[in-house]
Amino acid sequence: MAAFWPCGCTAVEKEDIDIVLYARFFRQTLAERIFSSRTYSVAFLQGCILYLYMRPVVRASKDLDCGAAPWAFPFLLSNLFFLLLFMVGIIYYFSDVPFMQNKNMYQVIRTGRMRWAAGQIGAIFAQAFLLMAANVVFSMLLLTGSCEYTLGWGKLYHTLALTGGSESYRFLFFFSYETMQLFTPLELLGLTVLLGTLVIAFTGLFMFVVSLYISRSVAVTAAFLMVMMIYLVENIHPLLKRWMAMFAPVNWMRVTHIGIKLHDSFLQPSVPYMLAVLTAGILTCASFICLKIKKTEFQWYKEE
């Protein structure tokens, strides 16, 4: 049912009503996206991958009789293959952008084009944060029973970083002693969630833009190519790594490479650079989305 403005409403009251309507639409959109088969599929995929990667940590903790601190996720996400699988799930999660199923047509009619676009952009941001938070929390839950509740890195991770323990227990990732010296656990975890949220949100909005202006299939292909740039950064000459990494946003999620040098060259650009570029990219994508939504003739899809 369309919203009607009372004749006596002041500008402030109309603005308040706008905020209430947006908040209601945002909650509805986010709930639809979270409680969907696509979310359950991604959660299952990422849960299985986390379990496979965390199992050696649990085994090493029990064998060495040394608790594992609940801060392993940043090291997981910095692993090339884990990040690839993680981002494949993200691409699948946003592969139905721009969310123009038949049922969404009535949302546009009720809320208006710009409020609908703002709601979709806000929902993508919220989903990005929830995806990161869910992975962090689940990686901690997998350590239940062998966890050392400490605000430090703990003895186990230092031991694994300084010895060959990771190879002995067939770890699929490694703990960087240099990173432990540069960051506290809370600093690194906070940076992981922040950069991860921004990169995922940028990926979702980028796919949204390409889907609106070209097609979904091109959006998925472009996003996959963007993810595959992490292989180019990984295998390029060491002196060119930082230069190439400046153009690979997905690679910035490998937070344990931040501040680390190889052959007198940093592996990652600076954090302020990452934040500035991601912010600019997100604002640019949001602007293009709003511009297109304002003028386009919608083509609605049957529900998948």
C-alpha atoms as a PDB file:
ATOM      1  CA  MET A   1       0.000   0.000   0.000  1.00  0.00           C
ATOM      2  CA  ALA A   2       1.436   3.380  -0.997  1.00  0.00           C
ATOM      3  CA  ALA A   3       2.248   5.875   1.698  1.00  0.00           C
ATOM      4  CA  PHE A   4       0.121   9.061   1.834  1.00  0.00           C
ATOM      5  CA  TRP A   5       1.305  12.320   3.335  1.00  0.00           C
ATOM      6  CA  PRO A   6      -1.064  13.942   5.829  1.00  0.00           C
ATOM      7  CA  CYS A   7      -2.014  17.424   4.630  1.00  0.00           C
ATOM      8  CA  GLY A   8      -0.739  19.110   7.769  1.00  0.00           C
ATOM      9  CA  CYS A   9       2.681  17.459   7.836  1.00  0.00           C
ATOM     10  CA  THR A  10       5.643  19.772   8.271  1.00  0.00           C
ATOM     11  CA  ALA A  11       8.944  19.228   6.441  1.00  0.00           C
ATOM     12  CA  VAL A  12      10.472  17.768   9.617  1.00  0.00           C
ATOM     13  CA  GLU A  13       7.578  15.332  10.058  1.00  0.00           C
ATOM     14  CA  LYS A  14       7.860  14.228   6.429  1.00  0.00           C
ATOM     15  CA  GLU A  15      11.589  13.655   6.935  1.00  0.00           C
ATOM     16  CA  ASP A  16      10.851  11.567  10.030  1.00  0.00           C
ATOM     17  CA  ILE A  17       8.319   9.516   8.067  1.00  0.00           C
ATOM     18  CA  ASP A  18      10.901   9.014   5.307  1.00  0.00           C
ATOM     19  CA  ILE A  19      13.388   7.689   7.850  1.00  0.00           C
ATOM     20  CA  VAL A  20      10.801   5.319   9.348  1.00  0.00           C
ATOM     21  CA  LEU A  21       9.820   4.006   5.913  1.00  0.00           C
ATOM     22  CA  TYR A  22      13.463   3.518   4.928  1.00  0.00           C
ATOM     23  CA  ALA A  23      14.244   1.719   8.202  1.00  0.00           C
ATOM     24  CA  ARG A  24      11.246  -0.571   7.718  1.00  0.00           C
ATOM     25  CA  PHE A  25      12.209  -1.360   4.134  1.00  0.00           C
ATOM     26  CA  PHE A  26      15.869  -1.880   5.113  1.00  0.00           C
ATOM     27  CA  ARG A  27      14.899  -4.399   7.828  1.00  0.00           C
ATOM     28  CA  GLN A  28      12.608  -6.236   5.449  1.00  0.00           C
ATOM     29  CA  THR A  29      15.213  -6.377   2.683  1.00  0.00           C
ATOM     30  CA  LEU A  30      17.981  -7.528   5.031  1.00  0.00           C
ATOM     31  CA  ALA A  31      15.768 -10.218   6.571  1.00  0.00           C
ATOM     32  CA  GLU A  32      14.850 -11.529   3.105  1.00  0.00           C
ATOM     33  CA  ARG A  33      18.496 -11.698   2.119  1.00  0.00           C
ATOM     34  CA  ILE A  34      19.695 -13.325   5.338  1.00  0.00           C
ATOM     35  CA  PHE A  35      16.962 -15.973   5.558  1.00  0.00           C
ATOM     36  CA  SER A  36      17.388 -17.243   2.013  1.00  0.00           C
ATOM     37  CA  SER A  37      18.627 -20.465   0.444  1.00  0.00           C
ATOM     38  CA  ARG A  38      21.596 -18.556  -0.993  1.00  0.00           C
ATOM     39  CA  THR A  39      22.699 -17.507   2.507  1.00  0.00           C
ATOM     40  CA  TYR A  40      22.358 -21.048   3.841  1.00  0.00           C
ATOM     41  CA  SER A  41      24.422 -22.414   0.935  1.00  0.00           C
ATOM     42  CA  VAL A  42      27.231 -19.892   1.490  1.00  0.00           C
ATOM     43  CA  ALA A  43      27.174 -20.477   5.254  1.00  0.00           C
ATOM     44  CA  PHE A  44      27.472 -24.237   4.723  1.00  0.00           C
ATOM     45  CA  LEU A  45      30.318 -23.851   2.213  1.00  0.00           C
ATOM     46  CA  GLN A  46      32.308 -21.433   4.354  1.00  0.00           C
ATOM     47  CA  GLY A  47      31.607 -23.464   7.509  1.00  0.00           C
ATOM     48  CA  CYS A  48      33.042 -26.611   5.917  1.00  0.00           C
ATOM     49  CA  ILE A  49      36.137 -24.754   4.701  1.00  0.00           C
ATOM     50  CA  LEU A  50      36.698 -23.229   8.138  1.00  0.00           C
ATOM     51  CA  TYR A  51      36.393 -26.644   9.760  1.00  0.00           C
ATOM     52  CA  LEU A  52      39.009 -28.161   7.421  1.00  0.00           C
ATOM     53  CA  TYR A  53      41.431 -25.287   8.026  1.00  0.00           C
ATOM     54  CA  MET A  54      40.942 -25.130  11.799  1.00  0.00           C
ATOM     55  CA  ARG A  55      41.122 -28.877  12.494  1.00  0.00           C
ATOM     56  CA  PRO A  56      44.976 -28.969  12.511  1.00  0.00           C
ATOM     57  CA  VAL A  57      44.993 -26.101  15.040  1.00  0.00           C
ATOM     58  CA  VAL A  58      42.785 -28.087  17.405  1.00  0.00           C
ATOM     59  CA  ARG A  59      44.954 -31.189  16.956  1.00  0.00           C
ATOM     60  CA  ALA A  60      48.188 -29.276  17.590  1.00  0.00           C
ATOM     61  CA  SER A  61      46.667 -27.645  20.675  1.00  0.00           C
ATOM     62  CA  LYS A  62      45.756 -31.015  22.177  1.00  0.00           C
ATOM     63  CA  ASP A  63      49.039 -32.720  21.288  1.00  0.00           C
ATOM     64  CA  LEU A  64      51.172 -29.872  22.627  1.00  0.00           C
ATOM     65  CA  ASP A  65      48.898 -29.397  25.643  1.00  0.00           C
ATOM     66  CA  CYS A  66      48.762 -25.711  24.839  1.00  0.00           C
ATOM     67  CA  GLY A  67      45.584 -23.677  24.409  1.00  0.00           C
ATOM     68  CA  ALA A  68      44.865 -21.934  21.102  1.00  0.00           C
ATOM     69  CA  ALA A  69      44.034 -18.236  21.266  1.00  0.00           C
ATOM     70  CA  PRO A  70      40.785 -17.359  19.434  1.00  0.00           C
ATOM     71  CA  TRP A  71      42.526 -15.057  16.946  1.00  0.00           C
ATOM     72  CA  ALA A  72      43.355 -17.380  14.058  1.00  0.00           C
ATOM     73  CA  PHE A  73      40.976 -15.980  11.437  1.00  0.00           C
ATOM     74  CA  PRO A  74      43.236 -13.171  10.108  1.00  0.00           C
ATOM     75  CA  PHE A  75      45.914 -15.785   9.325  1.00  0.00           C
ATOM     76  CA  LEU A  76      43.297 -17.994   7.649  1.00  0.00           C
ATOM     77  CA  LEU A  77      42.048 -15.179   5.446  1.00  0.00           C
ATOM     78  CA  SER A  78      45.609 -14.366   4.397  1.00  0.00           C
ATOM     79  CA  ASN A  79      46.012 -17.832   2.904  1.00  0.00           C
ATOM     80  CA  LEU A  80      45.754 -17.642  -0.892  1.00  0.00           C
ATOM     81  CA  PHE A  81      43.497 -20.663  -1.396  1.00  0.00           C
ATOM     82  CA  PHE A  82      41.267 -19.935   1.595  1.00  0.00           C
ATOM     83  CA  LEU A  83      40.723 -16.386   0.322  1.00  0.00           C
ATOM     84  CA  LEU A  84      39.929 -17.684  -3.165  1.00  0.00           C
ATOM     85  CA  LEU A  85      37.299 -20.125  -1.855  1.00  0.00           C
ATOM     86  CA  PHE A  86      35.945 -17.453   0.494  1.00  0.00           C
ATOM     87  CA  MET A  87      35.475 -14.967  -2.348  1.00  0.00           C
ATOM     88  CA  VAL A  88      33.939 -17.550  -4.678  1.00  0.00           C
ATOM     89  CA  GLY A  89      31.228 -17.899  -2.042  1.00  0.00           C
ATOM     90  CA  ILE A  90      30.839 -14.107  -1.944  1.00  0.00           C
ATOM     91  CA  ILE A  91      30.451 -13.912  -5.727  1.00  0.00           C
ATOM     92  CA  TYR A  92      27.803 -16.624  -5.628  1.00  0.00           C
ATOM     93  CA  TYR A  93      26.062 -14.795  -2.775  1.00  0.00           C
ATOM     94  CA  PHE A  94      25.731 -11.594  -4.804  1.00  0.00           C
ATOM     95  CA  SER A  95      25.203 -13.256  -8.185  1.00  0.00           C
ATOM     96  CA  ASP A  96      21.480 -12.414  -8.116  1.00  0.00           C
ATOM     97  CA  VAL A  97      22.054  -8.645  -8.086  1.00  0.00           C
ATOM     98  CA  PRO A  98      20.315  -6.296  -8.824  1.00  0.00           C
ATOM     99  CA  PHE A  99      17.624  -8.220  -6.867  1.00  0.00           C
ATOM    100  CA  MET A 100      14.882  -7.577  -9.434  1.00  0.00           C
ATOM    101  CA  GLN A 101      12.653 -10.577  -8.899  1.00  0.00           C
ATOM    102  CA  ASN A 102       8.937 -10.083  -9.483  1.00  0.00           C
ATOM    103  CA  LYS A 103       8.233  -9.665  -5.765  1.00  0.00           C
ATOM    104  CA  ASN A 104      10.625  -6.684  -5.619  1.00  0.00           C
ATOM    105  CA  MET A 105       8.497  -4.787  -8.142  1.00  0.00           C
ATOM    106  CA  TYR A 106       5.920  -4.080  -5.444  1.00  0.00           C
ATOM    107  CA  GLN A 107       8.647  -2.863  -3.069  1.00  0.00           C
ATOM    108  CA  VAL A 108       9.742  -0.291  -5.652  1.00  0.00           C
ATOM    109  CA  ILE A 109       6.147   0.872  -6.116  1.00  0.00           C
ATOM    110  CA  ARG A 110       5.586   1.240  -2.369  1.00  0.00           C
ATOM    111  CA  THR A 111       8.913   2.810  -1.402  1.00  0.00           C
ATOM    112  CA  GLY A 112       9.969   4.741  -4.479  1.00  0.00           C
ATOM    113  CA  ARG A 113      13.015   4.175  -6.681  1.00  0.00           C
ATOM    114  CA  MET A 114      15.639   6.053  -4.684  1.00  0.00           C
ATOM    115  CA  ARG A 115      14.572   4.684  -1.320  1.00  0.00           C
ATOM    116  CA  TRP A 116      14.607   1.183  -2.838  1.00  0.00           C
ATOM    117  CA  ALA A 117      18.128   1.741  -4.199  1.00  0.00           C
ATOM    118  CA  ALA A 118      19.338   3.111  -0.848  1.00  0.00           C
ATOM    119  CA  GLY A 119      17.820   0.122   0.922  1.00  0.00           C
ATOM    120  CA  GLN A 120      19.613  -2.321  -1.388  1.00  0.00           C
ATOM    121  CA  ILE A 121      22.945  -0.530  -0.928  1.00  0.00           C
ATOM    122  CA  GLY A 122      22.514  -0.486   2.855  1.00  0.00           C
ATOM    123  CA  ALA A 123      21.561  -4.174   2.863  1.00  0.00           C
ATOM    124  CA  ILE A 124      24.714  -5.076   0.919  1.00  0.00           C
ATOM    125  CA  PHE A 125      26.814  -3.267   3.530  1.00  0.00           C
ATOM    126  CA  ALA A 126      25.035  -5.055   6.372  1.00  0.00           C
ATOM    127  CA  GLN A 127      25.437  -8.427   4.653  1.00  0.00           C
ATOM    128  CA  ALA A 128      29.156  -7.778   4.155  1.00  0.00           C
ATOM    129  CA  PHE A 129      29.644  -7.082   7.856  1.00  0.00           C
ATOM    130  CA  LEU A 130      27.528 -10.067   8.935  1.00  0.00           C
ATOM    131  CA  LEU A 131      29.471 -12.405   6.628  1.00  0.00           C
ATOM    132  CA  MET A 132      32.764 -11.305   8.162  1.00  0.00           C
ATOM    133  CA  ALA A 133      31.410 -11.428  11.718  1.00  0.00           C
ATOM    134  CA  ALA A 134      29.922 -14.899  11.198  1.00  0.00           C
ATOM    135  CA  ASN A 135      33.230 -16.283   9.913  1.00  0.00           C
ATOM    136  CA  VAL A 136      35.182 -14.758  12.801  1.00  0.00           C
ATOM    137  CA  VAL A 137      32.747 -16.116  15.392  1.00  0.00           C
ATOM    138  CA  PHE A 138      32.613 -19.601  13.830  1.00  0.00           C
ATOM    139  CA  SER A 139      36.417 -19.814  13.697  1.00  0.00           C
ATOM    140  CA  MET A 140      36.393 -19.110  17.445  1.00  0.00           C
ATOM    141  CA  LEU A 141      33.655 -21.652  18.141  1.00  0.00           C
ATOM    142  CA  LEU A 142      35.681 -24.347  16.376  1.00  0.00           C
ATOM    143  CA  LEU A 143      38.347 -23.885  19.051  1.00  0.00           C
ATOM    144  CA  THR A 144      35.900 -24.560  21.896  1.00  0.00           C
ATOM    145  CA  GLY A 145      37.468 -27.096  24.236  1.00  0.00           C
ATOM    146  CA  SER A 146      41.027 -26.215  23.284  1.00  0.00           C
ATOM    147  CA  CYS A 147      40.820 -22.428  23.485  1.00  0.00           C
ATOM    148  CA  GLU A 148      43.098 -20.211  25.559  1.00  0.00           C
ATOM    149  CA  TYR A 149      41.118 -17.142  26.559  1.00  0.00           C
ATOM    150  CA  THR A 150      43.763 -14.448  26.280  1.00  0.00           C
ATOM    151  CA  LEU A 151      44.115 -11.021  24.701  1.00  0.00           C
ATOM    152  CA  GLY A 152      47.595 -11.998  23.493  1.00  0.00           C
ATOM    153  CA  TRP A 153      48.643 -14.339  20.705  1.00  0.00           C
ATOM    154  CA  GLY A 154      49.338 -17.136  23.133  1.00  0.00           C
ATOM    155  CA  LYS A 155      52.147 -19.651  23.359  1.00  0.00           C
ATOM    156  CA  LEU A 156      50.806 -22.028  20.681  1.00  0.00           C
ATOM    157  CA  TYR A 157      50.823 -19.549  17.788  1.00  0.00           C
ATOM    158  CA  HIS A 158      54.277 -18.254  18.702  1.00  0.00           C
ATOM    159  CA  THR A 159      55.562 -21.835  18.823  1.00  0.00           C
ATOM    160  CA  LEU A 160      54.032 -22.679  15.440  1.00  0.00           C
ATOM    161  CA  ALA A 161      55.391 -19.463  13.909  1.00  0.00           C
ATOM    162  CA  LEU A 162      58.959 -20.040  15.142  1.00  0.00           C
ATOM    163  CA  THR A 163      59.224 -23.797  14.577  1.00  0.00           C
ATOM    164  CA  GLY A 164      58.228 -26.295  11.931  1.00  0.00           C
ATOM    165  CA  GLY A 165      55.107 -27.251  13.817  1.00  0.00           C
ATOM    166  CA  SER A 166      52.800 -26.057  11.047  1.00  0.00           C
ATOM    167  CA  GLU A 167      54.346 -28.535   8.609  1.00  0.00           C
ATOM    168  CA  SER A 168      54.255 -31.377  11.138  1.00  0.00           C
ATOM    169  CA  TYR A 169      50.505 -30.981  11.623  1.00  0.00           C
ATOM    170  CA  ARG A 170      49.888 -30.279   7.928  1.00  0.00           C
ATOM    171  CA  PHE A 171      48.519 -26.792   8.412  1.00  0.00           C
ATOM    172  CA  LEU A 172      46.899 -25.297   5.321  1.00  0.00           C
ATOM    173  CA  PHE A 173      48.020 -21.818   6.419  1.00  0.00           C
ATOM    174  CA  PHE A 174      50.827 -20.385   8.532  1.00  0.00           C
ATOM    175  CA  PHE A 175      51.237 -18.028  11.475  1.00  0.00           C
ATOM    176  CA  SER A 176      53.482 -15.043  10.803  1.00  0.00           C
ATOM    177  CA  TYR A 177      55.755 -14.088  13.682  1.00  0.00           C
ATOM    178  CA  GLU A 178      56.426 -10.690  12.066  1.00  0.00           C
ATOM    179  CA  THR A 179      52.708  -9.942  12.032  1.00  0.00           C
ATOM    180  CA  MET A 180      52.407 -10.901  15.701  1.00  0.00           C
ATOM    181  CA  GLN A 181      55.148  -8.396  16.455  1.00  0.00           C
ATOM    182  CA  LEU A 182      53.449  -5.622  14.462  1.00  0.00           C
ATOM    183  CA  PHE A 183      49.855  -6.033  15.667  1.00  0.00           C
ATOM    184  CA  THR A 184      48.001  -7.048  18.798  1.00  0.00           C
ATOM    185  CA  PRO A 185      45.248  -9.648  18.248  1.00  0.00           C
ATOM    186  CA  LEU A 186      42.451  -7.103  18.618  1.00  0.00           C
ATOM    187  CA  GLU A 187      44.143  -4.665  16.234  1.00  0.00           C
ATOM    188  CA  LEU A 188      44.608  -7.313  13.552  1.00  0.00           C
ATOM    189  CA  LEU A 189      41.116  -8.747  14.021  1.00  0.00           C
ATOM    190  CA  GLY A 190      39.560  -5.275  13.843  1.00  0.00           C
ATOM    191  CA  LEU A 191      41.536  -4.485  10.685  1.00  0.00           C
ATOM    192  CA  THR A 192      40.459  -7.819   9.190  1.00  0.00           C
ATOM    193  CA  VAL A 193      36.766  -7.156   9.818  1.00  0.00           C
ATOM    194  CA  LEU A 194      37.008  -3.556   8.583  1.00  0.00           C
ATOM    195  CA  LEU A 195      38.870  -4.310   5.349  1.00  0.00           C
ATOM    196  CA  GLY A 196      36.890  -7.502   4.774  1.00  0.00           C
ATOM    197  CA  THR A 197      33.575  -5.679   5.151  1.00  0.00           C
ATOM    198  CA  LEU A 198      34.630  -2.903   2.774  1.00  0.00           C
ATOM    199  CA  VAL A 199      36.030  -5.302   0.156  1.00  0.00           C
ATOM    200  CA  ILE A 200      32.912  -7.513   0.241  1.00  0.00           C
ATOM    201  CA  ALA A 201      30.627  -4.465   0.090  1.00  0.00           C
ATOM    202  CA  PHE A 202      32.636  -3.075  -2.831  1.00  0.00           C
ATOM    203  CA  THR A 203      32.424  -6.433  -4.618  1.00  0.00           C
ATOM    204  CA  GLY A 204      28.653  -6.587  -4.131  1.00  0.00           C
ATOM    205  CA  LEU A 205      28.130  -2.989  -5.289  1.00  0.00           C
ATOM    206  CA  PHE A 206      30.495  -3.463  -8.236  1.00  0.00           C
ATOM    207  CA  MET A 207      28.465  -6.487  -9.353  1.00  0.00           C
ATOM    208  CA  PHE A 208      25.284  -4.448  -8.821  1.00  0.00           C
ATOM    209  CA  VAL A 209      26.572  -1.700 -11.158  1.00  0.00           C
ATOM    210  CA  VAL A 210      27.742  -4.083 -13.880  1.00  0.00           C
ATOM    211  CA  SER A 211      24.449  -6.011 -13.702  1.00  0.00           C
ATOM    212  CA  LEU A 212      22.438  -2.796 -14.083  1.00  0.00           C
ATOM    213  CA  TYR A 213      24.463  -1.424 -16.983  1.00  0.00           C
ATOM    214  CA  ILE A 214      25.358  -4.677 -18.788  1.00  0.00           C
ATOM    215  CA  SER A 215      24.209  -8.060 -17.427  1.00  0.00           C
ATOM    216  CA  ARG A 216      24.476 -10.467 -14.500  1.00  0.00           C
ATOM    217  CA  SER A 217      26.738 -12.869 -16.364  1.00  0.00           C
ATOM    218  CA  VAL A 218      29.225 -10.094 -17.122  1.00  0.00           C
ATOM    219  CA  ALA A 219      29.055  -8.972 -13.479  1.00  0.00           C
ATOM    220  CA  VAL A 220      29.923 -12.452 -12.228  1.00  0.00           C
ATOM    221  CA  THR A 221      32.754 -12.794 -14.758  1.00  0.00           C
ATOM    222  CA  ALA A 222      34.190  -9.362 -13.879  1.00  0.00           C
ATOM    223  CA  ALA A 223      34.052 -10.115 -10.152  1.00  0.00           C
ATOM    224  CA  PHE A 224      35.768 -13.461 -10.668  1.00  0.00           C
ATOM    225  CA  LEU A 225      38.555 -11.792 -12.669  1.00  0.00           C
ATOM    226  CA  MET A 226      38.952  -9.260  -9.859  1.00  0.00           C
ATOM    227  CA  VAL A 227      39.364 -12.134  -7.388  1.00  0.00           C
ATOM    228  CA  MET A 228      41.846 -13.936  -9.631  1.00  0.00           C
ATOM    229  CA  MET A 229      44.152 -10.917  -9.470  1.00  0.00           C
ATOM    230  CA  ILE A 230      45.378 -12.293  -6.125  1.00  0.00           C
ATOM    231  CA  TYR A 231      47.205 -14.992  -8.128  1.00  0.00           C
ATOM    232  CA  LEU A 232      48.861 -12.337 -10.263  1.00  0.00           C
ATOM    233  CA  VAL A 233      50.011 -10.467  -7.159  1.00  0.00           C
ATOM    234  CA  GLU A 234      51.249 -13.698  -5.572  1.00  0.00           C
ATOM    235  CA  ASN A 235      53.332 -14.787  -8.564  1.00  0.00           C
ATOM    236  CA  ILE A 236      54.680 -11.524  -9.927  1.00  0.00           C
ATOM    237  CA  HIS A 237      58.288 -10.453  -9.306  1.00  0.00           C
ATOM    238  CA  PRO A 238      58.807  -9.474  -5.639  1.00  0.00           C
ATOM    239  CA  LEU A 239      59.810  -5.915  -6.537  1.00  0.00           C
ATOM    240  CA  LEU A 240      56.518  -5.445  -8.397  1.00  0.00           C
ATOM    241  CA  LYS A 241      54.250  -7.000  -5.780  1.00  0.00           C
ATOM    242  CA  ARG A 242      53.361  -3.782  -3.978  1.00  0.00           C
ATOM    243  CA  TRP A 243      52.708  -1.941  -7.246  1.00  0.00           C
ATOM    244  CA  MET A 244      50.392  -4.690  -8.486  1.00  0.00           C
ATOM    245  CA  ALA A 245      48.746  -5.042  -5.062  1.00  0.00           C
ATOM    246  CA  MET A 246      47.644  -1.398  -5.283  1.00  0.00           C
ATOM    247  CA  PHE A 247      45.173  -2.427  -8.012  1.00  0.00           C
ATOM    248  CA  ALA A 248      43.906  -5.657  -6.390  1.00  0.00           C
ATOM    249  CA  PRO A 249      41.365  -4.850  -3.639  1.00  0.00           C
ATOM    250  CA  VAL A 250      40.655  -8.500  -2.843  1.00  0.00           C
ATOM    251  CA  ASN A 251      44.346  -9.000  -2.044  1.00  0.00           C
ATOM    252  CA  TRP A 252      44.038  -6.356   0.697  1.00  0.00           C
ATOM    253  CA  MET A 253      42.104  -8.886   2.774  1.00  0.00           C
ATOM    254  CA  ARG A 254      45.432 -10.698   3.291  1.00  0.00           C
ATOM    255  CA  VAL A 255      46.011  -8.565   6.356  1.00  0.00           C
ATOM    256  CA  THR A 256      49.053 -10.473   7.633  1.00  0.00           C
ATOM    257  CA  HIS A 257      50.978  -9.065   4.647  1.00  0.00           C
ATOM    258  CA  ILE A 258      50.404  -5.480   5.801  1.00  0.00           C
ATOM    259  CA  GLY A 259      53.633  -3.839   6.969  1.00  0.00           C
ATOM    260  CA  ILE A 260      55.719  -6.824   5.827  1.00  0.00           C
ATOM    261  CA  LYS A 261      58.690  -6.287   3.492  1.00  0.00           C
ATOM    262  CA  LEU A 262      60.124  -8.625   0.873  1.00  0.00           C
ATOM    263  CA  HIS A 263      63.380  -7.574  -0.812  1.00  0.00           C
ATOM    264  CA  ASP A 264      63.031  -4.086   0.738  1.00  0.00           C
ATOM    265  CA  SER A 265      59.583  -3.648  -0.795  1.00  0.00           C
ATOM    266  CA  PHE A 266      56.284  -3.784   1.109  1.00  0.00           C
ATOM    267  CA  LEU A 267      53.883  -6.560   0.107  1.00  0.00           C
ATOM    268  CA  GLN A 268      50.791  -4.376   0.556  1.00  0.00           C
ATOM    269  CA  PRO A 269      49.968  -0.690   0.134  1.00  0.00           C
ATOM    270  CA  SER A 270      49.362   1.348   3.265  1.00  0.00           C
ATOM    271  CA  VAL A 271      46.128   1.016   5.240  1.00  0.00           C
ATOM    272  CA  PRO A 272      45.094   4.669   4.612  1.00  0.00           C
ATOM    273  CA  TYR A 273      45.480   4.037   0.867  1.00  0.00           C
ATOM    274  CA  MET A 274      43.296   0.914   1.069  1.00  0.00           C
ATOM    275  CA  LEU A 275      40.588   2.704   3.046  1.00  0.00           C
ATOM    276  CA  ALA A 276      40.627   5.729   0.734  1.00  0.00           C
ATOM    277  CA  VAL A 277      40.387   3.651  -2.460  1.00  0.00           C
ATOM    278  CA  LEU A 278      37.663   1.387  -1.092  1.00  0.00           C
ATOM    279  CA  THR A 279      35.649   4.372   0.139  1.00  0.00           C
ATOM    280  CA  ALA A 280      35.981   6.100  -3.240  1.00  0.00           C
ATOM    281  CA  GLY A 281      35.063   2.900  -5.070  1.00  0.00           C
ATOM    282  CA  ILE A 282      32.004   2.294  -2.915  1.00  0.00           C
ATOM    283  CA  LEU A 283      30.773   5.890  -3.300  1.00  0.00           C
ATOM    284  CA  THR A 284      31.306   5.730  -7.062  1.00  0.00           C
ATOM    285  CA  CYS A 285      29.378   2.462  -7.366  1.00  0.00           C
ATOM    286  CA  ALA A 286      26.566   3.804  -5.174  1.00  0.00           C
ATOM    287  CA  SER A 287      26.336   6.937  -7.341  1.00  0.00           C
ATOM    288  CA  PHE A 288      26.122   4.927 -10.560  1.00  0.00           C
ATOM    289  CA  ILE A 289      23.476   2.662  -9.012  1.00  0.00           C
ATOM    290  CA  CYS A 290      21.293   5.597  -7.937  1.00  0.00           C
ATOM    291  CA  LEU A 291      21.730   7.304 -11.319  1.00  0.00           C
ATOM    292  CA  LYS A 292      20.672   4.179 -13.215  1.00  0.00           C
ATOM    293  CA  ILE A 293      17.783   3.307 -10.884  1.00  0.00           C
ATOM    294  CA  LYS A 294      16.421   6.835 -11.213  1.00  0.00           C
ATOM    295  CA  LYS A 295      16.170   6.647 -15.006  1.00  0.00           C
ATOM    296  CA  THR A 296      16.032   2.987 -16.009  1.00  0.00           C
ATOM    297  CA  GLU A 297      13.057   0.931 -17.114  1.00  0.00           C
ATOM    298  CA  PHE A 298      13.129  -2.131 -14.868  1.00  0.00           C
ATOM    299  CA  GLN A 299      13.240  -5.630 -16.306  1.00  0.00           C
ATOM    300  CA  TRP A 300      11.890  -8.027 -13.707  1.00  0.00           C
ATOM    301  CA  TYR A 301      12.969 -11.660 -13.359  1.00  0.00           C
ATOM    302  CA  LYS A 302      11.093 -14.679 -12.153  1.00  0.00           C
ATOM    303  CA  GLU A 303      12.116 -15.800  -8.680  1.00  0.00           C
ATOM    304  CA  GLU A 304      15.016 -18.260  -8.619  1.00  0.00           C
END
